[in-house]
């Protein structure tokens, strides 16, 4: 997932029951569904859901790619 795609995630993009995240296209890419594990669900559940967007603040705080490294 590209950092901009992660930054644009909204809570409606996360299917907690089926453990899927809908990635909106960026830079000509097509819509993508990715499977997430129980640990990622637990992490997401620690975040505030008071805003439609999952992440807030400057985009520069995210790495260029979120490829699963450092999530363990």
Protein backbone atom coordinates (compact mmCIF):
# COMPACT_ATOMS: atom_id res chain seq x y z
CA UNK A 1 0.00 0.00 0.00
CA UNK A 2 1.32 3.43 -0.88
CA UNK A 3 1.56 5.98 1.93
CA UNK A 4 -0.99 8.25 0.24
CA UNK A 5 -3.43 5.36 -0.02
CA UNK A 6 -3.00 4.64 3.70
CA UNK A 7 -3.38 8.32 4.53
CA UNK A 8 -6.70 8.47 2.66
CA UNK A 9 -8.20 5.46 4.47
CA UNK A 10 -11.51 6.02 6.17
CA UNK A 11 -13.25 3.84 8.71
CA UNK A 12 -15.85 2.84 6.11
CA UNK A 13 -12.97 1.25 4.14
CA UNK A 14 -12.32 -1.29 6.92
CA UNK A 15 -14.40 -4.45 7.13
CA UNK A 16 -13.65 -5.66 10.66
CA UNK A 17 -15.75 -8.82 10.29
CA UNK A 18 -14.06 -10.10 7.14
CA UNK A 19 -10.69 -8.50 8.01
CA UNK A 20 -10.44 -6.58 4.74
CA UNK A 21 -9.37 -3.06 3.86
CA UNK A 22 -10.54 -1.38 0.66
CA UNK A 23 -7.72 0.63 -0.90
CA UNK A 24 -8.89 3.50 -3.09
CA UNK A 25 -6.90 3.89 -6.30
CA UNK A 26 -3.96 6.27 -6.44
CA UNK A 27 -1.86 7.15 -9.48
CA UNK A 28 -3.85 5.10 -11.98
CA UNK A 29 -4.06 1.96 -9.87
CA UNK A 30 -7.28 -0.04 -9.57
CA UNK A 31 -9.41 -0.63 -6.48
CA UNK A 32 -7.81 -3.22 -4.24
CA UNK A 33 -8.93 -5.27 -1.24
CA UNK A 34 -6.26 -6.42 1.17
CA UNK A 35 -6.59 -8.94 3.97
CA UNK A 36 -5.41 -7.87 7.42
CA UNK A 37 -4.59 -10.02 10.42
CA UNK A 38 -6.03 -10.03 13.93
CA UNK A 39 -3.09 -7.97 15.20
CA UNK A 40 -3.89 -5.18 12.73
CA UNK A 41 -7.54 -5.28 13.80
CA UNK A 42 -6.43 -4.87 17.43
CA UNK A 43 -4.21 -1.92 16.48
CA UNK A 44 -7.00 -0.24 14.51
CA UNK A 45 -9.36 -0.71 17.44
CA UNK A 46 -7.02 1.36 19.64
CA UNK A 47 -7.44 4.39 17.37
CA UNK A 48 -10.10 7.05 17.84
CA UNK A 49 -13.10 6.73 15.54
CA UNK A 50 -14.26 10.34 16.08
CA UNK A 51 -13.15 11.30 12.58
CA UNK A 52 -14.12 9.64 9.26
CA UNK A 53 -10.41 9.36 8.36
CA UNK A 54 -8.26 6.82 10.19
CA UNK A 55 -5.03 8.85 10.14
CA UNK A 56 -4.58 12.56 10.75
CA UNK A 57 -1.63 14.92 10.82
CA UNK A 58 1.17 15.48 8.30
CA UNK A 59 1.54 12.80 5.65
CA UNK A 60 5.34 13.00 5.99
CA UNK A 61 5.08 10.92 9.20
CA UNK A 62 4.30 7.80 7.15
CA UNK A 63 6.98 5.89 5.22
CA UNK A 64 6.77 5.91 1.41
CA UNK A 65 5.43 2.34 1.40
CA UNK A 66 3.64 0.32 4.04
CA UNK A 67 4.72 -3.19 3.12
CA UNK A 68 4.25 -4.88 6.47
CA UNK A 69 7.79 -4.26 7.70
CA UNK A 70 7.82 -3.08 11.29
CA UNK A 71 4.26 -4.18 11.93
CA UNK A 72 5.24 -7.29 13.83
